[in-house]
């Protein structure tokens, strides 16, 4: 089973992420990305989807034209895990 991030490990992991916000309604992190157009947004989503499939860890997300909203939480542990942090870092690398 995947372990939920807590205490110092959680604080350190979250401190290393830029622009991600803790979702007030649940134990998740969220961020919105903006791109030049739909094609760039969709290409971004495609790359994230391929990585997520390899990780067997899938984001909750939505897309409207050039905006992609991403929420990460690990259902197996009922909250934030290292899997979410790893995927968030990958997503940030793609978006930069």
N, C-alpha and C. Protein backbone atom coordinates (compact mmCIF):
# COMPACT_ATOMS: atom_id res chain seq x y z
N UNK A 1 0.84 -1.19 0.00
CA UNK A 1 0.00 0.00 0.00
C UNK A 1 0.88 1.25 0.00
N UNK A 2 0.40 2.28 -0.61
CA UNK A 2 1.09 3.56 -0.70
C UNK A 2 0.88 4.32 0.60
N UNK A 3 1.95 4.92 1.12
CA UNK A 3 1.87 5.65 2.39
C UNK A 3 1.46 7.11 2.15
N UNK A 4 0.64 7.59 3.02
CA UNK A 4 0.21 8.99 2.99
C UNK A 4 1.35 9.85 3.55
N UNK A 5 1.61 10.99 2.91
CA UNK A 5 2.65 11.91 3.39
C UNK A 5 2.13 12.66 4.61
N UNK A 6 2.93 12.67 5.68
CA UNK A 6 2.54 13.36 6.90
C UNK A 6 3.74 14.03 7.53
N UNK A 7 3.51 14.94 8.42
CA UNK A 7 4.55 15.56 9.22
C UNK A 7 5.61 16.29 8.41
N UNK A 8 6.86 16.14 8.83
CA UNK A 8 7.98 16.82 8.18
C UNK A 8 8.14 16.40 6.72
N UNK A 9 7.93 15.13 6.43
CA UNK A 9 8.07 14.65 5.05
C UNK A 9 7.07 15.37 4.15
N UNK A 10 5.89 15.58 4.64
CA UNK A 10 4.85 16.28 3.88
C UNK A 10 5.24 17.74 3.67
N UNK A 11 5.65 18.42 4.74
CA UNK A 11 6.02 19.83 4.64
C UNK A 11 7.18 20.02 3.67
N UNK A 12 8.18 19.17 3.74
CA UNK A 12 9.33 19.27 2.83
C UNK A 12 8.92 19.03 1.39
N UNK A 13 8.10 18.03 1.17
CA UNK A 13 7.66 17.71 -0.19
C UNK A 13 6.87 18.87 -0.79
N UNK A 14 5.97 19.45 -0.03
CA UNK A 14 5.16 20.56 -0.52
C UNK A 14 5.99 21.82 -0.72
N UNK A 15 7.00 22.03 0.12
CA UNK A 15 7.87 23.20 -0.01
C UNK A 15 8.65 23.18 -1.32
N UNK A 16 8.88 21.99 -1.86
CA UNK A 16 9.63 21.85 -3.10
C UNK A 16 8.81 22.07 -4.35
N UNK A 17 7.53 22.32 -4.21
CA UNK A 17 6.65 22.52 -5.37
C UNK A 17 6.28 23.99 -5.48
N UNK A 18 6.33 24.52 -6.68
CA UNK A 18 5.99 25.93 -6.90
C UNK A 18 4.62 26.04 -7.57
N UNK A 19 3.75 26.82 -6.95
CA UNK A 19 2.46 27.10 -7.54
C UNK A 19 1.37 26.09 -7.25
N UNK A 20 1.72 24.97 -6.64
CA UNK A 20 0.72 23.97 -6.29
C UNK A 20 0.08 24.40 -4.97
N UNK A 21 -1.24 24.28 -4.89
CA UNK A 21 -1.96 24.66 -3.69
C UNK A 21 -2.65 23.44 -3.09
N UNK A 22 -2.66 23.39 -1.78
CA UNK A 22 -3.38 22.32 -1.10
C UNK A 22 -4.86 22.59 -1.26
N UNK A 23 -5.59 21.60 -1.71
CA UNK A 23 -7.04 21.70 -1.91
C UNK A 23 -7.70 21.76 -0.53
N UNK A 24 -8.44 22.81 -0.28
CA UNK A 24 -9.06 23.00 1.03
C UNK A 24 -10.10 21.94 1.36
N UNK A 25 -10.74 21.37 0.35
CA UNK A 25 -11.81 20.42 0.58
C UNK A 25 -11.38 18.98 0.77
N UNK A 26 -10.10 18.69 0.45
CA UNK A 26 -9.64 17.31 0.58
C UNK A 26 -8.11 17.28 0.60
N UNK A 27 -7.55 16.13 0.86
CA UNK A 27 -6.09 16.00 0.94
C UNK A 27 -5.53 15.80 -0.46
N UNK A 28 -5.39 16.92 -1.18
CA UNK A 28 -4.93 16.90 -2.57
C UNK A 28 -4.19 18.21 -2.85
N UNK A 29 -3.46 18.23 -3.96
CA UNK A 29 -2.83 19.47 -4.43
C UNK A 29 -3.36 19.77 -5.82
N UNK A 30 -3.40 21.06 -6.16
CA UNK A 30 -3.97 21.46 -7.44
C UNK A 30 -3.18 22.63 -8.02
N UNK A 31 -3.21 22.70 -9.36
CA UNK A 31 -2.55 23.79 -10.07
C UNK A 31 -3.21 23.94 -11.43
N UNK A 32 -3.25 25.18 -11.92
CA UNK A 32 -3.78 25.44 -13.25
C UNK A 32 -2.64 25.90 -14.16
N UNK A 33 -2.65 25.37 -15.37
CA UNK A 33 -1.63 25.71 -16.36
C UNK A 33 -2.31 26.39 -17.53
N UNK A 34 -1.62 27.38 -18.12
CA UNK A 34 -2.13 28.07 -19.30
C UNK A 34 -1.10 27.96 -20.42
N UNK A 35 -1.61 27.75 -21.61
CA UNK A 35 -0.77 27.57 -22.79
C UNK A 35 -1.20 28.54 -23.87
N UNK A 36 -0.43 28.62 -24.93
CA UNK A 36 -0.73 29.56 -26.01
C UNK A 36 -2.05 29.24 -26.70
N UNK A 37 -2.36 27.95 -26.82
CA UNK A 37 -3.58 27.55 -27.53
C UNK A 37 -3.96 26.12 -27.14
N UNK A 38 -5.02 25.64 -27.74
CA UNK A 38 -5.52 24.30 -27.45
C UNK A 38 -4.51 23.22 -27.81
N UNK A 39 -3.83 23.37 -28.93
CA UNK A 39 -2.87 22.35 -29.35
C UNK A 39 -1.76 22.16 -28.32
N UNK A 40 -1.25 23.25 -27.77
CA UNK A 40 -0.20 23.13 -26.76
C UNK A 40 -0.75 22.51 -25.48
N UNK A 41 -1.95 22.89 -25.09
CA UNK A 41 -2.56 22.31 -23.89
C UNK A 41 -2.78 20.81 -24.07
N UNK A 42 -3.27 20.42 -25.24
CA UNK A 42 -3.54 19.01 -25.48
C UNK A 42 -2.24 18.20 -25.57
N UNK A 43 -1.21 18.77 -26.17
CA UNK A 43 0.09 18.08 -26.23
C UNK A 43 0.65 17.87 -24.82
N UNK A 44 0.50 18.86 -23.98
CA UNK A 44 0.91 18.76 -22.57
C UNK A 44 0.16 17.62 -21.89
N UNK A 45 -1.15 17.60 -22.06
CA UNK A 45 -1.96 16.56 -21.44
C UNK A 45 -1.57 15.17 -21.93
N UNK A 46 -1.25 15.06 -23.20
CA UNK A 46 -0.84 13.77 -23.76
C UNK A 46 0.44 13.28 -23.10
N UNK A 47 1.40 14.17 -22.93
CA UNK A 47 2.66 13.77 -22.30
C UNK A 47 2.45 13.38 -20.84
N UNK A 48 1.62 14.14 -20.14
CA UNK A 48 1.30 13.79 -18.75
C UNK A 48 0.59 12.45 -18.69
N UNK A 49 -0.34 12.22 -19.60
CA UNK A 49 -1.10 10.96 -19.61
C UNK A 49 -0.18 9.75 -19.81
N UNK A 50 0.80 9.88 -20.68
CA UNK A 50 1.73 8.76 -20.91
C UNK A 50 2.55 8.46 -19.66
N UNK A 51 3.03 9.50 -19.00
CA UNK A 51 3.80 9.33 -17.75
C UNK A 51 2.90 8.75 -16.66
N UNK A 52 1.70 9.28 -16.53
CA UNK A 52 0.77 8.81 -15.50
C UNK A 52 0.45 7.33 -15.69
N UNK A 53 0.29 6.91 -16.92
CA UNK A 53 0.00 5.50 -17.20
C UNK A 53 1.18 4.62 -16.79
N UNK A 54 2.40 5.07 -17.09
CA UNK A 54 3.59 4.31 -16.68
C UNK A 54 3.69 4.22 -15.15
N UNK A 55 3.28 5.29 -14.48
CA UNK A 55 3.32 5.31 -13.01
C UNK A 55 2.13 4.59 -12.39
N UNK A 56 1.11 4.30 -13.19
CA UNK A 56 -0.17 3.79 -12.70
C UNK A 56 -0.72 4.73 -11.63
N UNK A 57 -0.65 6.03 -11.97
CA UNK A 57 -1.11 7.07 -11.05
C UNK A 57 -1.70 8.20 -11.89
N UNK A 58 -3.00 8.31 -11.89
CA UNK A 58 -3.69 9.16 -12.85
C UNK A 58 -4.26 10.42 -12.21
N UNK A 59 -4.04 11.57 -12.85
CA UNK A 59 -4.54 12.83 -12.28
C UNK A 59 -6.04 13.00 -12.50
N UNK A 60 -6.61 13.87 -11.69
CA UNK A 60 -7.96 14.38 -11.95
C UNK A 60 -7.70 15.71 -12.64
N UNK A 61 -8.29 15.89 -13.81
CA UNK A 61 -7.99 17.12 -14.55
C UNK A 61 -9.11 17.49 -15.48
N UNK A 62 -9.01 18.75 -15.94
CA UNK A 62 -9.96 19.23 -16.94
C UNK A 62 -9.23 20.18 -17.87
N UNK A 63 -9.80 20.35 -19.06
CA UNK A 63 -9.21 21.21 -20.07
C UNK A 63 -10.29 22.07 -20.69
N UNK A 64 -10.02 23.37 -20.76
CA UNK A 64 -10.87 24.30 -21.50
C UNK A 64 -9.93 25.14 -22.35
N UNK A 65 -10.00 24.92 -23.65
CA UNK A 65 -9.16 25.58 -24.64
C UNK A 65 -7.68 25.56 -24.25
N UNK A 66 -7.12 26.64 -23.72
CA UNK A 66 -5.68 26.69 -23.43
C UNK A 66 -5.37 26.48 -21.95
N UNK A 67 -6.38 26.13 -21.15
CA UNK A 67 -6.19 25.93 -19.71
C UNK A 67 -6.32 24.46 -19.35
N UNK A 68 -5.41 24.01 -18.48
CA UNK A 68 -5.48 22.65 -17.96
C UNK A 68 -5.42 22.75 -16.44
N UNK A 69 -6.44 22.27 -15.76
CA UNK A 69 -6.47 22.22 -14.31
C UNK A 69 -6.16 20.80 -13.86
N UNK A 70 -5.21 20.68 -12.93
CA UNK A 70 -4.77 19.36 -12.47
C UNK A 70 -4.94 19.27 -10.97
N UNK A 71 -5.48 18.16 -10.51
CA UNK A 71 -5.58 17.86 -9.08
C UNK A 71 -4.96 16.48 -8.87
N UNK A 72 -4.11 16.40 -7.85
CA UNK A 72 -3.43 15.13 -7.55
C UNK A 72 -3.72 14.69 -6.12
N UNK A 73 -4.09 13.45 -5.98
CA UNK A 73 -4.31 12.80 -4.69
C UNK A 73 -4.22 11.31 -4.94
N UNK A 74 -3.81 10.57 -3.94
CA UNK A 74 -3.65 9.13 -4.09
C UNK A 74 -4.82 8.42 -3.44
N UNK A 75 -5.66 7.82 -4.24
CA UNK A 75 -6.86 7.16 -3.72
C UNK A 75 -6.51 5.96 -2.84
N UNK A 76 -5.39 5.29 -3.13
CA UNK A 76 -5.01 4.11 -2.36
C UNK A 76 -4.76 4.43 -0.88
N UNK A 77 -4.32 5.66 -0.58
CA UNK A 77 -4.05 6.02 0.82
C UNK A 77 -5.00 7.10 1.32
N UNK A 78 -5.90 7.56 0.47
CA UNK A 78 -6.87 8.56 0.89
C UNK A 78 -6.30 9.94 1.08
N UNK A 79 -5.22 10.25 0.36
CA UNK A 79 -4.65 11.58 0.49
C UNK A 79 -3.37 11.74 -0.31
N UNK A 80 -2.57 12.69 0.11
CA UNK A 80 -1.35 13.03 -0.60
C UNK A 80 -0.24 12.02 -0.33
N UNK A 81 0.42 11.56 -1.40
CA UNK A 81 1.53 10.62 -1.25
C UNK A 81 2.72 11.09 -2.10
N UNK A 82 3.82 10.38 -1.97
CA UNK A 82 5.01 10.70 -2.76
C UNK A 82 4.72 10.58 -4.25
N UNK A 83 3.79 9.72 -4.63
CA UNK A 83 3.41 9.60 -6.04
C UNK A 83 2.90 10.94 -6.59
N UNK A 84 2.12 11.64 -5.78
CA UNK A 84 1.59 12.94 -6.21
C UNK A 84 2.72 13.95 -6.37
N UNK A 85 3.65 13.95 -5.46
CA UNK A 85 4.78 14.87 -5.53
C UNK A 85 5.62 14.58 -6.77
N UNK A 86 5.88 13.31 -7.02
CA UNK A 86 6.68 12.93 -8.19
C UNK A 86 6.00 13.34 -9.49
N UNK A 87 4.69 13.10 -9.57
CA UNK A 87 3.96 13.47 -10.78
C UNK A 87 3.89 14.99 -10.92
N UNK A 88 3.71 15.71 -9.83
CA UNK A 88 3.67 17.18 -9.87
C UNK A 88 5.01 17.72 -10.39
N UNK A 89 6.10 17.16 -9.95
CA UNK A 89 7.42 17.61 -10.43
C UNK A 89 7.57 17.35 -11.92
N UNK A 90 7.13 16.18 -12.37
CA UNK A 90 7.19 15.88 -13.79
C UNK A 90 6.34 16.88 -14.59
N UNK A 91 5.14 17.14 -14.10
CA UNK A 91 4.23 18.06 -14.78
C UNK A 91 4.86 19.45 -14.86
N UNK A 92 5.45 19.91 -13.77
CA UNK A 92 6.10 21.22 -13.78
C UNK A 92 7.25 21.28 -14.78
N UNK A 93 7.99 20.20 -14.89
CA UNK A 93 9.10 20.16 -15.85
C UNK A 93 8.57 20.30 -17.28
N UNK A 94 7.47 19.62 -17.57
CA UNK A 94 6.87 19.72 -18.91
C UNK A 94 6.37 21.13 -19.21
N UNK A 95 5.78 21.74 -18.21
CA UNK A 95 5.15 23.04 -18.42
C UNK A 95 6.16 24.19 -18.51
N UNK A 96 7.37 23.95 -18.05
CA UNK A 96 8.34 25.06 -18.04
C UNK A 96 9.03 25.24 -19.38
